[in-house]
Amino acid sequence: MQPPTSLANAGGGTSRRLCVYNSGFLTQSRVKRILHLSGWSVALGRPSGDDWVGVWGAAPSAERGLAVAEGRDAPVLRVEDAFLRSLHPGRVEKQPPLGLVLDRTGLHFDASRPSDLETLLIEDPLDDSELLNNARDLSARLCQSRLSKYSAYDPDLALPEPGYVLVIDQAEGDASVLASVPGADMARARFAEMLYYAQTEHPAARILIRSHPETQAGKRPGHFTKEQAQGRISFVDGAYAPMDLLEGAIAVYTLSSQMGFEAILAGHKPRVFGTPFYAGWGLTHDEHQLIRRQRKLTRAQLFAGAMMRYPIWYDPYHDRLCDLERVLATLEATQRAWIDDRNGWVGRNIRLWKRPHMQTMFGAEKPMRFGTTRPDGSMKTMAWGMAAQDGDVCVEDGFIRSQGLGAELVPPLSLVLDDTGIYFDPTRPSRLETLIAKSPNLPDYALTRARRIILRLMTERVTKYATAVPLVHLDLPRTTPVLLVPGQVEDDASVKVGSPEITSNEALLKRVRDANAEAHILYKPHPDVVAGLRPGAVADPTQWADAVVTDIPMDSLLAQIDAVWTMTSLTGFEALLRDVPVTTLYQGLRSLTHFRPISGSD
């Protein structure tokens, strides 16, 4: 009787009619789309036959739907936002959710009756080793990425000195509060009791009250007032990441906030005064006994059930249902973009043809301004390449750029920002250099992701200027080493600062031939040079090279050669990913870089 909700059935098969009496199901296109992909057809009218009634959580509008369902003897589907929703609260920025929970038996936050989540956590073995390993990796990633139900935060805010007790407030009238405590007056009394216990049980500690984001935005009041912020009690309002506040706390007190669940992921055993979904499993100090919940769960089991098995997750870029990992990647990307762009940008020395594309990439929060002078106020400045000065963020093409050339005004698909230096300038530190230096300490989930990305690059034959090109086979000698020498644009900044002695393609070819008299050398001129758009042509490369290749895709060449010799070309990096040895030339010296891509055993 239940419609399909698995990824395998997403968007396929026959949808079951879901009768609704809340306009949000019809006007919120994302909610309607997720329901459709999950096997539900949203409709108005009275249910009949196998129809279901859809209601939104415990919202006031749900009463009408429940009354219709009871009168027509129809089953009820309760719909709510998933535990990772968006950057900002829906009431604040009107952002659509990245997932929903679709519960056929109850509400996950209402312990007065069973819910699908509670049943799952009681009955599902949750003992599959692959599932639990993924749960550990994804929960660690969620914590490290500072993701929460609402994931926008200001990393520039000074964090409070660690060692405090964190008391979590919630919005007045919140359904999860009323499910634990009937009535607004009793709810205020329960929150006051929670604050009292926090003070009594930690007589020497500072007490910080964390308000709900909607309270901070002025949308809904909370249960604590500024009058209660006396002595060692204070509010810690502001765009802090919940995980940052949890990591600095010595104890956490909550009624039913989702931050209590996140506190468990952060390593706490929070004191819980309500009946949220995460209470009763041995991971919290509970004020109320939950009779049905006798099972003891690990953090990984709770996370697997609540975050991986229970919700329906949505990928807005491919318009399909997805798994939790995809949602984490989506939130990480949008969170980073919001943090970078929230105060706006001024672009200096940006060519006119690039400006519309820059506006698309960086102007989502505030429109970019372009000029030559720095602005006043909080806006940051970016400048292209070597034009960046102190105080500027340097912007350059990314390593996967486009299907065409920048010199032909083809816009880039990726850009890099660097507030320290720039990746091609070895004379000073860069952000990339710092990240590489820290890479030996990457967690397992990051290494696993890197392996998958490398594999996808190889499988889809992606290089800087080409994607999914067919493999071209060359007739090459089998007994002689085959070397590839990629030509470069000679006035390129990476050549000027990264190869100060060997500054021309002719000098590069001569150096390679002098060092490899018996090798078979392939020379591939830079596409911009072949097109006559940039300097770097060699009058007669066959003086040193055995063959000149111009129309052969780079991926085809890298699949058939033995090594790459280069000044500073990105081809060297692309070769390393394919386990091809690379020799770089710096100040006329040979630097053999036998780096290897991340393998399963590294």
Foldseek 3Di string as FASTA:
>chain_A
DDFAQDQVCFQHDAAAEEEEDDCCCVPVVVNVLNSNRRRYHYDHDQDDDQYAYEDEAPPPRVVVSVVSCVVRVHFYWYKYAAWAFEQADCVPPVDGGQWMFIWRWHHQLALVGDIPLLCCLVPPPLPDPVLLVVLLVVLVLCLVLLGTNRRAFAPPDDDPAFDAEEEEWEFQPDPSLCSFPPDRVRSLVLSVVQVVCRCVVCVPHAYEYEYDRCCVVVNGPISDDCVVCDDSYDYDDHRDRLSSVLLRYPAYEYAADCSCLNNLSSPHQHEYAGRGNPPLQQSHNYPDHSVVRPHHDHNSSSSSSRQFPRMFGADPVVSGTDTNVNVSVVNSVVNVLCNLQQVEEEEEADDPLQQVVVQVRRPPNHGYHYDHDDDDDDHAYEYEDPVDDQRHKYKDADFAFEQDDVLVVDGGPDMDTWNFHDDLAPVGDTPVNVCVVCVVVDDPVVLVVQVVVLVVCLVQVGGNNNTNDDADDDDDDDPAAEEEEEFDQLPDPSLVRQAVAPRAPLSQLVLVCVVRVGHAYEYEYDLCVVVVSGDHDDPDSVVRHVYYDYPHDLSNVLVPGQEYEYARDCSCVVNQSVQHWYWYAHHNDTDTDRHHRRDPVD
